[in-house]
Amino acid sequence: MTQDPAPGFTPRPRAGGAVRGAFDRQNLVDELARIARRLTERVLGTAREAFFDGSPSYDAASMVVVRLYGLLERADSGDLRATLTEDEIAALRTMRNIVAHGGDARMNDESFWTTSTRELPVVVTRLQRAIATPSAADDDGAPSE
């Protein structure tokens, strides 16, 4: 049974075309900024001894992996996946699956620390540069997908 919206509520129409493309692109830029900020403020500079299951930096790094891979799975991520190598995508997917499904007991903490403090910042910066560079579709006025 379908219910009518609350009295006085008018749903806003969905944006389409170039407006939606610009909105989607800004969402990607904003999400990458949040991921970068989480890495910078909570993970980078963490000594290996302070990076363990349950520590704030470990938990933040876990969230970075989940959100970063989720970002790459979004339909509006456009060419961001093409910015990464297949090996980088596979490594992110594996880490994401361990963090989200397998539990931290299966995570190699040494590798996770190295990845979180050395490799992920490089990947995030590369993705930020890619999304900041207008694509050919943006230049001709066509919406980016």
Protein backbone atom coordinates (compact mmCIF):
# COMPACT_ATOMS: atom_id res chain seq x y z
CA MET A 1 0.00 0.00 0.00
CA THR A 2 1.45 3.34 -1.06
CA GLN A 3 1.11 6.23 1.33
CA ASP A 4 0.76 9.80 0.21
CA PRO A 5 3.52 12.16 1.32
CA ALA A 6 2.93 14.16 4.46
CA PRO A 7 0.64 17.14 3.97
CA GLY A 8 2.60 20.11 2.71
CA PHE A 9 5.51 17.96 1.54
CA THR A 10 6.48 18.26 -2.09
CA PRO A 11 9.31 16.00 -3.22
CA ARG A 12 11.96 17.86 -5.15
CA PRO A 13 12.54 16.70 -8.70
CA ARG A 14 15.74 14.79 -9.38
CA ALA A 15 18.46 16.70 -11.18
CA GLY A 16 19.49 15.41 -14.55
CA GLY A 17 22.07 15.97 -17.24
CA ALA A 18 24.88 18.41 -16.60
CA VAL A 19 23.43 19.51 -13.24
CA ARG A 20 23.48 15.96 -11.91
CA GLY A 21 26.96 15.36 -13.35
CA ALA A 22 28.32 18.42 -11.56
CA PHE A 23 26.59 17.37 -8.33
CA ASP A 24 27.97 13.82 -8.58
CA ARG A 25 31.46 15.13 -9.30
CA GLN A 26 31.31 17.45 -6.27
CA ASN A 27 30.17 14.53 -4.10
CA LEU A 28 33.24 12.57 -5.23
CA VAL A 29 35.54 15.54 -4.53
CA ASP A 30 34.00 15.97 -1.07
CA GLU A 31 34.25 12.27 -0.21
CA LEU A 32 37.90 12.10 -1.29
CA ALA A 33 38.59 15.17 0.88
CA ARG A 34 36.98 13.43 3.89
CA ILE A 35 39.05 10.30 3.26
CA ALA A 36 42.27 12.36 2.91
CA ARG A 37 41.47 14.30 6.09
CA ARG A 38 40.87 11.07 8.04
CA LEU A 39 44.23 9.72 6.80
CA THR A 40 46.09 12.94 7.59
CA GLU A 41 44.57 13.60 11.00
CA ARG A 42 44.26 10.07 12.38
CA VAL A 43 46.61 7.68 10.57
CA LEU A 44 49.70 9.37 9.11
CA GLY A 45 52.53 9.73 11.57
CA THR A 46 51.30 6.83 13.69
CA ALA A 47 54.19 4.72 14.90
CA ARG A 48 53.93 1.02 14.12
CA GLU A 49 53.74 0.19 17.85
CA ALA A 50 50.67 2.44 18.22
CA PHE A 51 48.89 0.90 15.22
CA PHE A 52 46.98 -2.16 16.43
CA ASP A 53 43.46 -3.55 16.34
CA GLY A 54 41.30 -1.23 18.41
CA SER A 55 43.61 1.78 18.31
CA PRO A 56 42.12 5.00 16.90
CA SER A 57 44.54 5.03 13.97
CA TYR A 58 43.82 1.38 13.08
CA ASP A 59 40.08 2.00 13.22
CA ALA A 60 40.43 5.16 11.09
CA ALA A 61 42.56 3.28 8.53
CA SER A 62 39.91 0.55 8.39
CA MET A 63 37.24 3.16 7.68
CA VAL A 64 39.43 4.75 4.99
CA VAL A 65 39.71 1.41 3.20
CA VAL A 66 35.96 0.75 3.39
CA ARG A 67 35.02 4.23 2.19
CA LEU A 68 37.68 4.39 -0.50
CA TYR A 69 36.67 1.07 -2.04
CA GLY A 70 33.00 2.03 -1.71
CA LEU A 71 33.75 5.23 -3.58
CA LEU A 72 35.29 3.27 -6.43
CA GLU A 73 32.19 1.06 -6.65
CA ARG A 74 29.80 3.99 -7.07
CA ALA A 75 28.15 4.41 -10.44
CA ASP A 76 29.12 8.10 -10.47
CA SER A 77 32.82 7.42 -9.89
CA GLY A 78 33.44 7.83 -13.61
CA ASP A 79 37.02 7.27 -14.60
CA LEU A 80 38.44 7.15 -11.06
CA ARG A 81 38.91 3.39 -11.27
CA ALA A 82 40.98 3.88 -14.42
CA THR A 83 43.36 6.00 -12.33
CA LEU A 84 44.38 2.91 -10.36
CA THR A 85 46.10 -0.26 -11.49
CA GLU A 86 44.27 -3.56 -11.39
CA ASP A 87 46.65 -4.66 -8.61
CA GLU A 88 45.78 -1.58 -6.52
CA ILE A 89 42.06 -2.20 -6.99
CA ALA A 90 42.45 -5.88 -6.10
CA ALA A 91 44.48 -5.01 -2.98
CA LEU A 92 41.88 -2.45 -1.88
CA ARG A 93 39.08 -4.97 -2.45
CA THR A 94 40.90 -7.64 -0.42
CA MET A 95 41.62 -5.25 2.46
CA ARG A 96 38.07 -3.97 2.38
CA ASN A 97 36.69 -7.51 2.50
CA ILE A 98 38.91 -8.46 5.44
CA VAL A 99 38.04 -5.28 7.34
CA ALA A 100 34.30 -5.49 6.59
CA HIS A 101 33.68 -9.24 6.64
CA GLY A 102 36.60 -11.30 7.87
CA GLY A 103 37.44 -9.45 11.01
CA ASP A 104 40.74 -7.93 11.93
CA ALA A 105 42.17 -11.27 13.11
CA ARG A 106 42.94 -12.11 9.47
CA MET A 107 44.65 -8.77 8.79
CA ASN A 108 48.43 -8.69 8.65
CA ASP A 109 48.95 -5.64 10.87
CA GLU A 110 52.45 -4.90 9.56
CA SER A 111 51.23 -4.82 5.95
CA PHE A 112 48.13 -2.87 6.93
CA TRP A 113 50.24 -0.23 8.70
CA THR A 114 52.59 0.07 5.72
CA THR A 115 49.68 0.34 3.31
CA SER A 116 47.83 2.85 5.49
CA THR A 117 50.75 5.14 6.18
CA ARG A 118 52.66 4.95 2.90
CA GLU A 119 50.56 3.65 0.03
CA LEU A 120 47.01 4.89 0.68
CA PRO A 121 48.04 8.58 0.89
CA VAL A 122 49.63 8.27 -2.57
CA VAL A 123 46.53 6.58 -3.99
CA VAL A 124 44.17 9.16 -2.47
CA THR A 125 46.29 12.05 -3.79
CA ARG A 126 46.31 10.50 -7.26
CA LEU A 127 42.51 10.13 -7.17
CA GLN A 128 42.09 13.72 -5.98
CA ARG A 129 44.23 14.97 -8.86
CA ALA A 130 42.26 12.86 -11.33
CA ILE A 131 38.88 14.18 -10.16
CA ALA A 132 40.20 17.77 -10.13
CA THR A 133 41.27 17.50 -13.78
CA PRO A 134 38.29 18.15 -16.07
CA SER A 135 37.58 15.30 -18.43
CA ALA A 136 36.92 15.71 -22.15
CA ALA A 137 33.21 15.19 -21.47
CA ASP A 138 33.26 18.17 -19.10
CA ASP A 139 34.99 20.35 -21.68
CA ASP A 140 32.36 19.83 -24.37
CA GLY A 141 29.46 20.48 -22.04
CA ALA A 142 28.28 16.87 -22.00
CA PRO A 143 27.57 15.39 -18.59
CA SER A 144 30.23 13.14 -17.16
CA GLU A 145 29.09 9.69 -16.15
